[in-house]
Amino acid sequence: MDDETKLITSRLSRTITRDGITVEVLIVRAEGDPEWTLEVVDQEGACTVWEDTFATEQDALNELFQTIAADGMSSFLWRPDRTLH
């Protein structure tokens, strides 16, 4: 995206706290782009960004809740010893 691109933030973006962990959930898309992106920012400012895009805002939020159910909130915390694939 260039500096001129306007980002649309979903009304479903929010802050979530569970298990003592707070994250900011950002669901955004570029103006004119139908696909939504999903990003989670942890308490330290580290980001987890999904490579896949989503057809709807709700699809992105559903993916977040599925990830939390499967992997827990701690999966969003940055760990210096974590191996990224």
N, C-alpha and C. Protein backbone atom coordinates (compact mmCIF):
# COMPACT_ATOMS: atom_id res chain seq x y z
N MET A 1 0.83 -1.17 0.00
CA MET A 1 0.00 0.00 0.00
C MET A 1 0.88 1.24 0.00
N ASP A 2 0.44 2.24 -0.70
CA ASP A 2 1.20 3.48 -0.72
C ASP A 2 0.66 4.45 0.34
N ASP A 3 1.31 5.61 0.47
CA ASP A 3 0.92 6.59 1.47
C ASP A 3 -0.48 7.17 1.23
N GLU A 4 -0.99 7.04 0.01
CA GLU A 4 -2.29 7.59 -0.35
C GLU A 4 -3.44 6.64 -0.03
N THR A 5 -3.14 5.38 0.25
CA THR A 5 -4.18 4.38 0.48
C THR A 5 -4.90 4.66 1.79
N LYS A 6 -6.21 4.73 1.71
CA LYS A 6 -7.03 4.92 2.90
C LYS A 6 -7.44 3.57 3.45
N LEU A 7 -7.21 3.36 4.74
CA LEU A 7 -7.61 2.11 5.37
C LEU A 7 -8.96 2.27 6.03
N ILE A 8 -9.78 1.26 5.86
CA ILE A 8 -11.09 1.19 6.48
C ILE A 8 -10.97 0.21 7.66
N THR A 9 -11.29 0.68 8.85
CA THR A 9 -11.23 -0.16 10.03
C THR A 9 -12.62 -0.70 10.32
N SER A 10 -12.71 -2.01 10.51
CA SER A 10 -13.98 -2.66 10.78
C SER A 10 -14.53 -2.26 12.14
N ARG A 11 -15.84 -2.20 12.21
CA ARG A 11 -16.51 -1.98 13.49
C ARG A 11 -16.32 -3.16 14.43
N LEU A 12 -15.84 -4.29 13.89
CA LEU A 12 -15.59 -5.48 14.70
C LEU A 12 -14.20 -5.48 15.35
N SER A 13 -13.37 -4.53 15.00
CA SER A 13 -12.07 -4.40 15.66
C SER A 13 -12.32 -4.11 17.13
N ARG A 14 -11.44 -4.61 17.99
CA ARG A 14 -11.69 -4.48 19.43
C ARG A 14 -10.47 -4.86 20.24
N THR A 15 -10.55 -4.63 21.53
CA THR A 15 -9.56 -5.11 22.49
C THR A 15 -10.18 -6.31 23.20
N ILE A 16 -9.39 -7.37 23.32
CA ILE A 16 -9.87 -8.58 23.99
C ILE A 16 -8.91 -8.91 25.13
N THR A 17 -9.47 -9.24 26.29
CA THR A 17 -8.68 -9.71 27.42
C THR A 17 -9.21 -11.07 27.85
N ARG A 18 -8.31 -12.04 27.87
CA ARG A 18 -8.63 -13.38 28.36
C ARG A 18 -7.38 -13.96 28.98
N ASP A 19 -7.58 -14.74 30.02
CA ASP A 19 -6.46 -15.42 30.69
C ASP A 19 -5.37 -14.43 31.09
N GLY A 20 -5.75 -13.20 31.45
CA GLY A 20 -4.79 -12.19 31.87
C GLY A 20 -3.97 -11.58 30.74
N ILE A 21 -4.34 -11.87 29.51
CA ILE A 21 -3.62 -11.35 28.33
C ILE A 21 -4.57 -10.44 27.56
N THR A 22 -4.09 -9.24 27.25
CA THR A 22 -4.88 -8.29 26.47
C THR A 22 -4.24 -8.09 25.11
N VAL A 23 -5.05 -8.16 24.07
CA VAL A 23 -4.57 -7.92 22.71
C VAL A 23 -5.53 -6.96 22.01
N GLU A 24 -4.98 -6.23 21.06
CA GLU A 24 -5.79 -5.38 20.21
C GLU A 24 -6.02 -6.11 18.89
N VAL A 25 -7.25 -6.21 18.48
CA VAL A 25 -7.62 -6.90 17.25
C VAL A 25 -7.97 -5.86 16.20
N LEU A 26 -7.25 -5.89 15.09
CA LEU A 26 -7.48 -4.95 14.00
C LEU A 26 -7.95 -5.71 12.77
N ILE A 27 -9.13 -5.37 12.31
CA ILE A 27 -9.68 -5.93 11.08
C ILE A 27 -9.80 -4.74 10.13
N VAL A 28 -9.01 -4.75 9.07
CA VAL A 28 -8.95 -3.59 8.17
C VAL A 28 -8.92 -4.03 6.71
N ARG A 29 -9.23 -3.08 5.85
CA ARG A 29 -9.09 -3.29 4.41
C ARG A 29 -8.74 -1.95 3.78
N ALA A 30 -8.12 -2.02 2.63
CA ALA A 30 -7.85 -0.81 1.86
C ALA A 30 -9.14 -0.38 1.18
N GLU A 31 -9.37 0.91 1.12
CA GLU A 31 -10.55 1.42 0.44
C GLU A 31 -10.57 0.90 -0.99
N GLY A 32 -11.68 0.34 -1.41
CA GLY A 32 -11.81 -0.22 -2.75
C GLY A 32 -11.44 -1.69 -2.84
N ASP A 33 -10.83 -2.24 -1.79
CA ASP A 33 -10.45 -3.66 -1.76
C ASP A 33 -11.54 -4.40 -0.98
N PRO A 34 -12.12 -5.44 -1.54
CA PRO A 34 -13.20 -6.13 -0.83
C PRO A 34 -12.71 -7.06 0.29
N GLU A 35 -11.45 -7.42 0.28
CA GLU A 35 -10.91 -8.38 1.25
C GLU A 35 -10.43 -7.69 2.53
N TRP A 36 -10.65 -8.34 3.65
CA TRP A 36 -10.26 -7.84 4.97
C TRP A 36 -9.01 -8.55 5.45
N THR A 37 -8.17 -7.85 6.21
CA THR A 37 -7.00 -8.45 6.83
C THR A 37 -7.20 -8.47 8.33
N LEU A 38 -6.47 -9.38 8.99
CA LEU A 38 -6.59 -9.56 10.43
C LEU A 38 -5.21 -9.44 11.05
N GLU A 39 -5.13 -8.60 12.08
CA GLU A 39 -3.88 -8.39 12.80
C GLU A 39 -4.18 -8.34 14.29
N VAL A 40 -3.31 -8.97 15.09
CA VAL A 40 -3.44 -8.94 16.54
C VAL A 40 -2.15 -8.35 17.10
N VAL A 41 -2.30 -7.35 17.97
CA VAL A 41 -1.16 -6.68 18.58
C VAL A 41 -1.17 -7.01 20.07
N ASP A 42 -0.05 -7.57 20.57
CA ASP A 42 0.00 -7.95 21.98
C ASP A 42 0.36 -6.75 22.86
N GLN A 43 0.45 -7.00 24.16
CA GLN A 43 0.71 -5.96 25.16
C GLN A 43 2.05 -5.27 24.95
N GLU A 44 2.99 -5.93 24.30
CA GLU A 44 4.32 -5.38 24.06
C GLU A 44 4.43 -4.71 22.69
N GLY A 45 3.36 -4.76 21.91
CA GLY A 45 3.36 -4.15 20.58
C GLY A 45 3.76 -5.09 19.46
N ALA A 46 4.01 -6.36 19.77
CA ALA A 46 4.33 -7.34 18.74
C ALA A 46 3.06 -7.72 17.98
N CYS A 47 3.18 -7.89 16.67
CA CYS A 47 2.02 -8.14 15.81
C CYS A 47 2.00 -9.57 15.28
N THR A 48 0.82 -10.12 15.22
CA THR A 48 0.56 -11.36 14.50
C THR A 48 -0.39 -10.99 13.36
N VAL A 49 0.05 -11.22 12.13
CA VAL A 49 -0.74 -10.85 10.96
C VAL A 49 -1.02 -12.11 10.15
N TRP A 50 -2.27 -12.33 9.83
CA TRP A 50 -2.64 -13.46 9.00
C TRP A 50 -2.24 -13.18 7.56
N GLU A 51 -1.66 -14.17 6.90
CA GLU A 51 -1.31 -14.02 5.48
C GLU A 51 -2.55 -14.08 4.60
N ASP A 52 -3.52 -14.88 5.00
CA ASP A 52 -4.76 -14.99 4.25
C ASP A 52 -5.63 -13.76 4.49
N THR A 53 -6.45 -13.43 3.53
CA THR A 53 -7.44 -12.37 3.70
C THR A 53 -8.81 -13.00 3.84
N PHE A 54 -9.78 -12.19 4.19
CA PHE A 54 -11.11 -12.70 4.50
C PHE A 54 -12.17 -11.94 3.70
N ALA A 55 -13.18 -12.67 3.25
CA ALA A 55 -14.24 -12.07 2.43
C ALA A 55 -15.08 -11.09 3.22
N THR A 56 -15.25 -11.36 4.52
CA THR A 56 -16.06 -10.47 5.35
C THR A 56 -15.34 -10.18 6.66
N GLU A 57 -15.78 -9.12 7.31
CA GLU A 57 -15.27 -8.77 8.63
C GLU A 57 -15.54 -9.90 9.62
N GLN A 58 -16.73 -10.46 9.52
CA GLN A 58 -17.13 -11.53 10.44
C GLN A 58 -16.26 -12.77 10.24
N ASP A 59 -15.90 -13.08 8.99
CA ASP A 59 -15.00 -14.21 8.73
C ASP A 59 -13.67 -14.01 9.45
N ALA A 60 -13.16 -12.79 9.42
CA ALA A 60 -11.89 -12.50 10.10
C ALA A 60 -12.03 -12.68 11.61
N LEU A 61 -13.11 -12.15 12.17
CA LEU A 61 -13.33 -12.29 13.62
C LEU A 61 -13.53 -13.75 14.00
N ASN A 62 -14.25 -14.51 13.19
CA ASN A 62 -14.44 -15.93 13.46
C ASN A 62 -13.10 -16.66 13.47
N GLU A 63 -12.22 -16.32 12.54
CA GLU A 63 -10.88 -16.94 12.50
C GLU A 63 -10.11 -16.64 13.78
N LEU A 64 -10.22 -15.41 14.26
CA LEU A 64 -9.55 -15.06 15.51
C LEU A 64 -10.06 -15.93 16.66
N PHE A 65 -11.38 -16.03 16.80
CA PHE A 65 -11.94 -16.82 17.90
C PHE A 65 -11.61 -18.30 17.76
N GLN A 66 -11.53 -18.82 16.54
CA GLN A 66 -11.11 -20.20 16.34
C GLN A 66 -9.66 -20.40 16.76
N THR A 67 -8.81 -19.42 16.46
CA THR A 67 -7.41 -19.50 16.84
C THR A 67 -7.27 -19.47 18.36
N ILE A 68 -8.02 -18.59 19.01
CA ILE A 68 -7.97 -18.52 20.48
C ILE A 68 -8.44 -19.84 21.07
N ALA A 69 -9.52 -20.41 20.55
CA ALA A 69 -10.03 -21.68 21.08
C ALA A 69 -9.02 -22.81 20.90
N ALA A 70 -8.33 -22.83 19.75
CA ALA A 70 -7.39 -23.91 19.46
C ALA A 70 -6.03 -23.73 20.14
N ASP A 71 -5.54 -22.49 20.16
CA ASP A 71 -4.15 -22.25 20.59
C ASP A 71 -4.01 -21.41 21.85
N GLY A 72 -5.09 -20.78 22.29
CA GLY A 72 -5.04 -19.95 23.48
C GLY A 72 -4.51 -18.55 23.20
N MET A 73 -4.74 -17.65 24.13
CA MET A 73 -4.31 -16.26 24.00
C MET A 73 -2.79 -16.14 24.00
N SER A 74 -2.12 -17.04 24.69
CA SER A 74 -0.66 -16.95 24.77
C SER A 74 0.00 -17.15 23.40
N SER A 75 -0.73 -17.68 22.44
CA SER A 75 -0.16 -17.86 21.10
C SER A 75 0.14 -16.53 20.43
N PHE A 76 -0.43 -15.44 20.93
CA PHE A 76 -0.20 -14.12 20.35
C PHE A 76 0.97 -13.38 21.00
N LEU A 77 1.49 -13.92 22.09
CA LEU A 77 2.59 -13.24 22.78
C LEU A 77 3.90 -13.48 22.07
N TRP A 78 4.67 -12.42 21.92
CA TRP A 78 5.99 -12.53 21.30
C TRP A 78 6.93 -13.21 22.27
N ARG A 79 7.66 -14.19 21.73
CA ARG A 79 8.67 -14.90 22.53
C ARG A 79 9.95 -14.94 21.69
N PRO A 80 11.04 -14.43 22.23
CA PRO A 80 12.27 -14.38 21.44
C PRO A 80 12.79 -15.74 21.02
N ASP A 81 12.40 -16.79 21.71
CA ASP A 81 12.90 -18.13 21.38
C ASP A 81 11.96 -18.86 20.43
N ARG A 82 10.88 -18.22 19.99
CA ARG A 82 9.90 -18.88 19.13
C ARG A 82 10.43 -18.99 17.71
N THR A 83 10.26 -20.15 17.12
CA THR A 83 10.66 -20.38 15.74
C THR A 83 9.49 -20.05 14.84
N LEU A 84 9.72 -19.20 13.86
CA LEU A 84 8.68 -18.86 12.91
C LEU A 84 8.84 -19.69 11.65
N HIS A 85 7.76 -20.17 11.09
CA HIS A 85 7.80 -21.01 9.90
C HIS A 85 7.49 -20.22 8.67
